[in-house]
């Protein structure tokens, strides 16, 4: 049986569920997408978790929590230079 060891730095705990973001193949000319996949914590190994039955794959190994963070809202910068000084 094949298995993959997912490093602990790739695992996020959301509402009690262990998740890792896994890359899907890029569509023709497109970017790869990252989707959350449930992780079993039943087989801890060397700071990570063994996932029986998984094939080799790409996972986000650090900073995956940023994928759950909504992007910041756009803000208008204050004027600079002469426009600012004329006020």
PDB file of N, CA and C in Angstrom:
ATOM      1  N   UNK A   1       0.837  -1.175   0.000  1.00  0.00           N
ATOM      2  CA  UNK A   1       0.000   0.000   0.000  1.00  0.00           C
ATOM      3  C   UNK A   1       0.884   1.240   0.000  1.00  0.00           C
ATOM      4  N   UNK A   2       0.535   2.210  -0.819  1.00  0.00           N
ATOM      5  CA  UNK A   2       1.255   3.479  -0.864  1.00  0.00           C
ATOM      6  C   UNK A   2       0.780   4.383   0.267  1.00  0.00           C
ATOM      7  N   UNK A   3       1.664   5.265   0.677  1.00  0.00           N
ATOM      8  CA  UNK A   3       1.320   6.242   1.705  1.00  0.00           C
ATOM      9  C   UNK A   3       2.176   7.485   1.491  1.00  0.00           C
ATOM     10  N   UNK A   4       1.697   8.590   1.993  1.00  0.00           N
ATOM     11  CA  UNK A   4       2.419   9.862   1.918  1.00  0.00           C
ATOM     12  C   UNK A   4       2.518  10.413   3.327  1.00  0.00           C
ATOM     13  N   UNK A   5       3.683  10.970   3.673  1.00  0.00           N
ATOM     14  CA  UNK A   5       3.828  11.652   4.953  1.00  0.00           C
ATOM     15  C   UNK A   5       3.624  13.143   4.709  1.00  0.00           C
ATOM     16  N   UNK A   6       2.606  13.691   5.326  1.00  0.00           N
ATOM     17  CA  UNK A   6       2.306  15.114   5.220  1.00  0.00           C
ATOM     18  C   UNK A   6       2.979  15.803   6.409  1.00  0.00           C
ATOM     19  N   UNK A   7       3.855  16.773   6.161  1.00  0.00           N
ATOM     20  CA  UNK A   7       4.540  17.424   7.276  1.00  0.00           C
ATOM     21  C   UNK A   7       3.559  18.179   8.171  1.00  0.00           C
ATOM     22  N   UNK A   8       3.872  18.223   9.449  1.00  0.00           N
ATOM     23  CA  UNK A   8       3.008  18.921  10.396  1.00  0.00           C
ATOM     24  C   UNK A   8       2.806  20.384  10.048  1.00  0.00           C
ATOM     25  N   UNK A   9       3.808  21.010   9.402  1.00  0.00           N
ATOM     26  CA  UNK A   9       3.684  22.427   9.030  1.00  0.00           C
ATOM     27  C   UNK A   9       2.637  22.641   7.948  1.00  0.00           C
ATOM     28  N   UNK A  10       2.201  21.562   7.290  1.00  0.00           N
ATOM     29  CA  UNK A  10       1.185  21.670   6.237  1.00  0.00           C
ATOM     30  C   UNK A  10      -0.227  21.478   6.775  1.00  0.00           C
ATOM     31  N   UNK A  11      -0.332  21.075   8.038  1.00  0.00           N
ATOM     32  CA  UNK A  11      -1.640  20.718   8.598  1.00  0.00           C
ATOM     33  C   UNK A  11      -2.243  21.888   9.372  1.00  0.00           C
ATOM     34  N   UNK A  12      -3.489  22.195   9.042  1.00  0.00           N
ATOM     35  CA  UNK A  12      -4.263  23.211   9.748  1.00  0.00           C
ATOM     36  C   UNK A  12      -5.401  22.520  10.473  1.00  0.00           C
ATOM     37  N   UNK A  13      -5.775  23.032  11.615  1.00  0.00           N
ATOM     38  CA  UNK A  13      -6.922  22.498  12.337  1.00  0.00           C
ATOM     39  C   UNK A  13      -8.030  23.537  12.288  1.00  0.00           C
ATOM     40  N   UNK A  14      -9.123  23.201  11.616  1.00  0.00           N
ATOM     41  CA  UNK A  14     -10.261  24.098  11.441  1.00  0.00           C
ATOM     42  C   UNK A  14     -11.503  23.395  11.962  1.00  0.00           C
ATOM     43  N   UNK A  15     -12.109  23.971  12.985  1.00  0.00           N
ATOM     44  CA  UNK A  15     -13.301  23.380  13.602  1.00  0.00           C
ATOM     45  C   UNK A  15     -13.078  21.921  13.979  1.00  0.00           C
ATOM     46  N   UNK A  16     -11.903  21.622  14.519  1.00  0.00           N
ATOM     47  CA  UNK A  16     -11.593  20.272  14.965  1.00  0.00           C
ATOM     48  C   UNK A  16     -11.187  19.306  13.869  1.00  0.00           C
ATOM     49  N   UNK A  17     -11.154  19.747  12.624  1.00  0.00           N
ATOM     50  CA  UNK A  17     -10.785  18.897  11.484  1.00  0.00           C
ATOM     51  C   UNK A  17      -9.379  19.265  11.020  1.00  0.00           C
ATOM     52  N   UNK A  18      -8.536  18.256  10.836  1.00  0.00           N
ATOM     53  CA  UNK A  18      -7.194  18.480  10.295  1.00  0.00           C
ATOM     54  C   UNK A  18      -7.286  18.563   8.775  1.00  0.00           C
ATOM     55  N   UNK A  19      -6.682  19.609   8.201  1.00  0.00           N
ATOM     56  CA  UNK A  19      -6.724  19.830   6.759  1.00  0.00           C
ATOM     57  C   UNK A  19      -5.333  20.153   6.229  1.00  0.00           C
ATOM     58  N   UNK A  20      -5.117  19.851   4.963  1.00  0.00           N
ATOM     59  CA  UNK A  20      -3.934  20.318   4.238  1.00  0.00           C
ATOM     60  C   UNK A  20      -4.427  20.814   2.888  1.00  0.00           C
ATOM     61  N   UNK A  21      -3.785  21.844   2.368  1.00  0.00           N
ATOM     62  CA  UNK A  21      -4.138  22.331   1.039  1.00  0.00           C
ATOM     63  C   UNK A  21      -3.302  21.598   0.008  1.00  0.00           C
ATOM     64  N   UNK A  22      -3.993  21.000  -0.953  1.00  0.00           N
ATOM     65  CA  UNK A  22      -3.366  20.165  -1.979  1.00  0.00           C
ATOM     66  C   UNK A  22      -3.519  20.848  -3.335  1.00  0.00           C
ATOM     67  N   UNK A  23      -2.446  20.843  -4.109  1.00  0.00           N
ATOM     68  CA  UNK A  23      -2.476  21.467  -5.429  1.00  0.00           C
ATOM     69  C   UNK A  23      -3.136  20.539  -6.430  1.00  0.00           C
ATOM     70  N   UNK A  24      -3.997  21.118  -7.260  1.00  0.00           N
ATOM     71  CA  UNK A  24      -4.570  20.372  -8.367  1.00  0.00           C
ATOM     72  C   UNK A  24      -3.754  20.729  -9.617  1.00  0.00           C
ATOM     73  N   UNK A  25      -3.720  19.854 -10.607  1.00  0.00           N
ATOM     74  CA  UNK A  25      -2.973  20.180 -11.822  1.00  0.00           C
ATOM     75  C   UNK A  25      -3.544  21.436 -12.469  1.00  0.00           C
ATOM     76  N   UNK A  26      -2.664  22.211 -13.076  1.00  0.00           N
ATOM     77  CA  UNK A  26      -3.103  23.441 -13.742  1.00  0.00           C
ATOM     78  C   UNK A  26      -3.865  23.098 -15.012  1.00  0.00           C
ATOM     79  N   UNK A  27      -4.928  23.836 -15.241  1.00  0.00           N
ATOM     80  CA  UNK A  27      -5.640  23.719 -16.517  1.00  0.00           C
ATOM     81  C   UNK A  27      -4.740  24.312 -17.597  1.00  0.00           C
ATOM     82  N   UNK A  28      -5.028  24.011 -18.821  1.00  0.00           N
ATOM     83  CA  UNK A  28      -4.201  24.506 -19.918  1.00  0.00           C
ATOM     84  C   UNK A  28      -4.042  26.020 -19.815  1.00  0.00           C
ATOM     85  N   UNK A  29      -2.816  26.465 -19.612  1.00  0.00           N
ATOM     86  CA  UNK A  29      -2.538  27.888 -19.539  1.00  0.00           C
ATOM     87  C   UNK A  29      -2.984  28.558 -18.265  1.00  0.00           C
ATOM     88  N   UNK A  30      -3.489  27.805 -17.302  1.00  0.00           N
ATOM     89  CA  UNK A  30      -3.997  28.407 -16.066  1.00  0.00           C
ATOM     90  C   UNK A  30      -3.098  28.141 -14.881  1.00  0.00           C
ATOM     91  N   UNK A  31      -3.491  28.703 -13.772  1.00  0.00           N
ATOM     92  CA  UNK A  31      -2.757  28.507 -12.530  1.00  0.00           C
ATOM     93  C   UNK A  31      -3.276  27.275 -11.809  1.00  0.00           C
ATOM     94  N   UNK A  32      -2.413  26.689 -10.995  1.00  0.00           N
ATOM     95  CA  UNK A  32      -2.873  25.575 -10.166  1.00  0.00           C
ATOM     96  C   UNK A  32      -3.770  26.124  -9.072  1.00  0.00           C
ATOM     97  N   UNK A  33      -4.727  25.320  -8.684  1.00  0.00           N
ATOM     98  CA  UNK A  33      -5.632  25.675  -7.601  1.00  0.00           C
ATOM     99  C   UNK A  33      -5.270  24.826  -6.385  1.00  0.00           C
ATOM    100  N   UNK A  34      -5.483  25.376  -5.209  1.00  0.00           N
ATOM    101  CA  UNK A  34      -5.235  24.645  -3.978  1.00  0.00           C
ATOM    102  C   UNK A  34      -6.559  24.439  -3.260  1.00  0.00           C
ATOM    103  N   UNK A  35      -6.851  23.189  -2.943  1.00  0.00           N
ATOM    104  CA  UNK A  35      -8.107  22.860  -2.288  1.00  0.00           C
ATOM    105  C   UNK A  35      -7.813  22.134  -0.972  1.00  0.00           C
ATOM    106  N   UNK A  36      -8.652  22.358   0.048  1.00  0.00           N
ATOM    107  CA  UNK A  36      -8.426  21.678   1.321  1.00  0.00           C
ATOM    108  C   UNK A  36      -8.776  20.197   1.217  1.00  0.00           C
ATOM    109  N   UNK A  37      -8.003  19.388   1.891  1.00  0.00           N
ATOM    110  CA  UNK A  37      -8.249  17.943   1.928  1.00  0.00           C
ATOM    111  C   UNK A  37      -8.097  17.489   3.373  1.00  0.00           C
ATOM    112  N   UNK A  38      -9.035  16.691   3.830  1.00  0.00           N
ATOM    113  CA  UNK A  38      -8.990  16.186   5.202  1.00  0.00           C
ATOM    114  C   UNK A  38      -7.767  15.316   5.433  1.00  0.00           C
ATOM    115  N   UNK A  39      -7.190  15.445   6.612  1.00  0.00           N
ATOM    116  CA  UNK A  39      -6.002  14.689   7.003  1.00  0.00           C
ATOM    117  C   UNK A  39      -6.363  13.811   8.192  1.00  0.00           C
ATOM    118  N   UNK A  40      -5.931  12.565   8.154  1.00  0.00           N
ATOM    119  CA  UNK A  40      -6.084  11.696   9.322  1.00  0.00           C
ATOM    120  C   UNK A  40      -4.883  11.915  10.238  1.00  0.00           C
ATOM    121  N   UNK A  41      -5.153  12.090  11.529  1.00  0.00           N
ATOM    122  CA  UNK A  41      -4.063  12.232  12.497  1.00  0.00           C
ATOM    123  C   UNK A  41      -3.807  10.921  13.241  1.00  0.00           C
ATOM    124  N   UNK A  42      -4.328   9.820  12.713  1.00  0.00           N
ATOM    125  CA  UNK A  42      -4.213   8.516  13.374  1.00  0.00           C
ATOM    126  C   UNK A  42      -2.799   7.946  13.314  1.00  0.00           C
ATOM    127  N   UNK A  43      -1.983   8.385  12.345  1.00  0.00           N
ATOM    128  CA  UNK A  43      -0.634   7.826  12.174  1.00  0.00           C
ATOM    129  C   UNK A  43       0.409   8.936  12.206  1.00  0.00           C
ATOM    130  N   UNK A  44       0.693   9.484  13.414  1.00  0.00           N
ATOM    131  CA  UNK A  44       1.730  10.515  13.503  1.00  0.00           C
ATOM    132  C   UNK A  44       3.099   9.919  13.175  1.00  0.00           C
ATOM    133  N   UNK A  45       3.942  10.714  12.514  1.00  0.00           N
ATOM    134  CA  UNK A  45       5.263  10.237  12.137  1.00  0.00           C
ATOM    135  C   UNK A  45       6.220  11.404  11.978  1.00  0.00           C
ATOM    136  N   UNK A  46       7.204  11.485  12.841  1.00  0.00           N
ATOM    137  CA  UNK A  46       8.300  12.444  12.702  1.00  0.00           C
ATOM    138  C   UNK A  46       7.806  13.865  12.436  1.00  0.00           C
ATOM    139  N   UNK A  47       6.864  14.343  13.254  1.00  0.00           N
ATOM    140  CA  UNK A  47       6.374  15.703  13.118  1.00  0.00           C
ATOM    141  C   UNK A  47       5.337  15.896  12.029  1.00  0.00           C
ATOM    142  N   UNK A  48       4.845  14.816  11.459  1.00  0.00           N
ATOM    143  CA  UNK A  48       3.817  14.902  10.426  1.00  0.00           C
ATOM    144  C   UNK A  48       2.818  13.776  10.604  1.00  0.00           C
ATOM    145  N   UNK A  49       2.085  13.480   9.543  1.00  0.00           N
ATOM    146  CA  UNK A  49       1.068  12.429   9.606  1.00  0.00           C
ATOM    147  C   UNK A  49       1.114  11.598   8.336  1.00  0.00           C
ATOM    148  N   UNK A  50       1.161  10.279   8.499  1.00  0.00           N
ATOM    149  CA  UNK A  50       1.148   9.361   7.360  1.00  0.00           C
ATOM    150  C   UNK A  50      -0.291   9.219   6.867  1.00  0.00           C
ATOM    151  N   UNK A  51      -0.463   9.318   5.554  1.00  0.00           N
ATOM    152  CA  UNK A  51      -1.779   9.201   4.927  1.00  0.00           C
ATOM    153  C   UNK A  51      -1.782   7.973   4.020  1.00  0.00           C
ATOM    154  N   UNK A  52      -2.226   6.821   4.534  1.00  0.00           N
ATOM    155  CA  UNK A  52      -2.253   5.610   3.720  1.00  0.00           C
ATOM    156  C   UNK A  52      -3.156   5.789   2.501  1.00  0.00           C
ATOM    157  N   UNK A  53      -2.722   5.243   1.388  1.00  0.00           N
ATOM    158  CA  UNK A  53      -3.523   5.283   0.173  1.00  0.00           C
ATOM    159  C   UNK A  53      -3.328   6.533  -0.659  1.00  0.00           C
ATOM    160  N   UNK A  54      -2.641   7.533  -0.135  1.00  0.00           N
ATOM    161  CA  UNK A  54      -2.399   8.752  -0.910  1.00  0.00           C
ATOM    162  C   UNK A  54      -1.254   8.512  -1.888  1.00  0.00           C
ATOM    163  N   UNK A  55      -1.322   9.176  -3.013  1.00  0.00           N
ATOM    164  CA  UNK A  55      -0.237   9.185  -3.986  1.00  0.00           C
ATOM    165  C   UNK A  55       0.624  10.420  -3.711  1.00  0.00           C
ATOM    166  N   UNK A  56       1.799  10.479  -4.308  1.00  0.00           N
ATOM    167  CA  UNK A  56       2.636  11.668  -4.184  1.00  0.00           C
ATOM    168  C   UNK A  56       1.851  12.870  -4.701  1.00  0.00           C
ATOM    169  N   UNK A  57       1.940  13.986  -3.994  1.00  0.00           N
ATOM    170  CA  UNK A  57       1.188  15.178  -4.371  1.00  0.00           C
ATOM    171  C   UNK A  57       1.905  16.408  -3.866  1.00  0.00           C
ATOM    172  N   UNK A  58       1.436  17.562  -4.286  1.00  0.00           N
ATOM    173  CA  UNK A  58       1.980  18.828  -3.812  1.00  0.00           C
ATOM    174  C   UNK A  58       1.066  19.375  -2.736  1.00  0.00           C
ATOM    175  N   UNK A  59       1.644  19.713  -1.582  1.00  0.00           N
ATOM    176  CA  UNK A  59       0.867  20.339  -0.511  1.00  0.00           C
ATOM    177  C   UNK A  59       1.545  21.646  -0.118  1.00  0.00           C
ATOM    178  N   UNK A  60       0.752  22.568   0.380  1.00  0.00           N
ATOM    179  CA  UNK A  60       1.291  23.806   0.932  1.00  0.00           C
ATOM    180  C   UNK A  60       1.912  23.436   2.271  1.00  0.00           C
ATOM    181  N   UNK A  61       3.218  23.651   2.426  1.00  0.00           N
ATOM    182  CA  UNK A  61       3.889  23.198   3.649  1.00  0.00           C
ATOM    183  C   UNK A  61       4.088  24.292   4.679  1.00  0.00           C
ATOM    184  N   UNK A  62       3.775  25.513   4.347  1.00  0.00           N
ATOM    185  CA  UNK A  62       3.896  26.604   5.296  1.00  0.00           C
ATOM    186  C   UNK A  62       3.040  27.778   4.866  1.00  0.00           C
ATOM    187  N   UNK A  63       2.422  28.448   5.823  1.00  0.00           N
ATOM    188  CA  UNK A  63       1.598  29.604   5.507  1.00  0.00           C
ATOM    189  C   UNK A  63       0.240  29.270   4.935  1.00  0.00           C
ATOM    190  N   UNK A  64      -0.174  28.018   5.064  1.00  0.00           N
ATOM    191  CA  UNK A  64      -1.469  27.618   4.494  1.00  0.00           C
ATOM    192  C   UNK A  64      -2.624  28.357   5.144  1.00  0.00           C
ATOM    193  N   UNK A  65      -2.429  28.827   6.375  1.00  0.00           N
ATOM    194  CA  UNK A  65      -3.501  29.573   7.040  1.00  0.00           C
ATOM    195  C   UNK A  65      -3.854  30.846   6.272  1.00  0.00           C
ATOM    196  N   UNK A  66      -2.920  31.355   5.467  1.00  0.00           N
ATOM    197  CA  UNK A  66      -3.213  32.534   4.650  1.00  0.00           C
ATOM    198  C   UNK A  66      -4.244  32.230   3.570  1.00  0.00           C
ATOM    199  N   UNK A  67      -4.345  30.963   3.167  1.00  0.00           N
ATOM    200  CA  UNK A  67      -5.348  30.594   2.167  1.00  0.00           C
ATOM    201  C   UNK A  67      -6.760  30.692   2.737  1.00  0.00           C
ATOM    202  N   UNK A  68      -6.883  30.670   4.050  1.00  0.00           N
ATOM    203  CA  UNK A  68      -8.192  30.785   4.701  1.00  0.00           C
ATOM    204  C   UNK A  68      -8.530  32.231   5.049  1.00  0.00           C
ATOM    205  N   UNK A  69      -7.567  33.127   4.899  1.00  0.00           N
ATOM    206  CA  UNK A  69      -7.763  34.527   5.257  1.00  0.00           C
ATOM    207  C   UNK A  69      -8.305  35.295   4.067  1.00  0.00           C
ATOM    208  N   UNK A  70      -9.405  36.025   4.242  1.00  0.00           N
ATOM    209  CA  UNK A  70      -9.919  36.804   3.112  1.00  0.00           C
ATOM    210  C   UNK A  70      -8.931  37.904   2.744  1.00  0.00           C
ATOM    211  N   UNK A  71      -8.877  38.263   1.468  1.00  0.00           N
ATOM    212  CA  UNK A  71      -7.952  39.316   1.067  1.00  0.00           C
ATOM    213  C   UNK A  71      -8.357  40.647   1.697  1.00  0.00           C
ATOM    214  N   UNK A  72      -7.395  41.515   1.929  1.00  0.00           N
ATOM    215  CA  UNK A  72      -7.738  42.809   2.520  1.00  0.00           C
ATOM    216  C   UNK A  72      -8.532  43.662   1.541  1.00  0.00           C
ATOM    217  N   UNK A  73      -9.323  44.563   2.108  1.00  0.00           N
ATOM    218  CA  UNK A  73     -10.084  45.469   1.255  1.00  0.00           C
ATOM    219  C   UNK A  73      -9.140  46.526   0.692  1.00  0.00           C
ATOM    220  N   UNK A  74      -9.454  46.999  -0.505  1.00  0.00           N
ATOM    221  CA  UNK A  74      -8.640  48.030  -1.130  1.00  0.00           C
ATOM    222  C   UNK A  74      -8.853  49.356  -0.412  1.00  0.00           C
ATOM    223  N   UNK A  75      -7.794  50.098  -0.246  1.00  0.00           N
ATOM    224  CA  UNK A  75      -7.858  51.412   0.371  1.00  0.00           C
ATOM    225  C   UNK A  75      -7.254  52.430  -0.579  1.00  0.00           C
ATOM    226  N   UNK A  76      -7.795  53.626  -0.556  1.00  0.00           N
ATOM    227  CA  UNK A  76      -7.256  54.704  -1.371  1.00  0.00           C
ATOM    228  C   UNK A  76      -6.127  55.362  -0.607  1.00  0.00           C
ATOM    229  N   UNK A  77      -5.001  55.527  -1.269  1.00  0.00           N
ATOM    230  CA  UNK A  77      -3.868  56.188  -0.645  1.00  0.00           C
ATOM    231  C   UNK A  77      -4.090  57.692  -0.640  1.00  0.00           C
ATOM    232  N   UNK A  78      -3.594  58.378   0.365  1.00  0.00           N
ATOM    233  CA  UNK A  78      -3.735  59.840   0.379  1.00  0.00           C
ATOM    234  C   UNK A  78      -2.899  60.444  -0.740  1.00  0.00           C
ATOM    235  N   UNK A  79      -3.287  61.633  -1.198  1.00  0.00           N
ATOM    236  CA  UNK A  79      -2.508  62.267  -2.254  1.00  0.00           C
ATOM    237  C   UNK A  79      -1.099  62.592  -1.772  1.00  0.00           C
ATOM    238  N   UNK A  80      -0.188  62.660  -2.698  1.00  0.00           N
ATOM    239  CA  UNK A  80       1.200  62.985  -2.357  1.00  0.00           C
ATOM    240  C   UNK A  80       1.655  64.177  -3.183  1.00  0.00           C
ATOM    241  N   UNK A  81       2.771  64.737  -2.840  1.00  0.00           N
ATOM    242  CA  UNK A  81       3.366  65.812  -3.618  1.00  0.00           C
ATOM    243  C   UNK A  81       2.563  67.105  -3.528  1.00  0.00           C
ATOM    244  N   UNK A  82       2.528  67.842  -4.637  1.00  0.00           N
ATOM    245  CA  UNK A  82       1.873  69.160  -4.678  1.00  0.00           C
ATOM    246  C   UNK A  82       0.384  69.098  -4.336  1.00  0.00           C
ATOM    247  N   UNK A  83      -0.301  68.074  -4.779  1.00  0.00           N
ATOM    248  CA  UNK A  83      -1.733  67.972  -4.492  1.00  0.00           C
ATOM    249  C   UNK A  83      -1.970  67.937  -2.986  1.00  0.00           C
ATOM    250  N   UNK A  84      -1.100  67.296  -2.254  1.00  0.00           N
ATOM    251  CA  UNK A  84      -1.240  67.199  -0.796  1.00  0.00           C
ATOM    252  C   UNK A  84      -0.933  68.554  -0.142  1.00  0.00           C
ATOM    253  N   UNK A  85       0.079  69.238  -0.641  1.00  0.00           N
ATOM    254  CA  UNK A  85       0.518  70.500  -0.044  1.00  0.00           C
ATOM    255  C   UNK A  85      -0.468  71.638  -0.286  1.00  0.00           C
ATOM    256  N   UNK A  86      -1.290  71.577  -1.320  1.00  0.00           N
ATOM    257  CA  UNK A  86      -2.242  72.637  -1.634  1.00  0.00           C
ATOM    258  C   UNK A  86      -3.466  72.621  -0.722  1.00  0.00           C
ATOM    259  N   UNK A  87      -3.625  71.645   0.074  1.00  0.00           N
ATOM    260  CA  UNK A  87      -4.813  71.531   0.925  1.00  0.00           C
ATOM    261  C   UNK A  87      -4.826  72.527   2.007  1.00  0.00           C
TER     262      UNK A  87
END
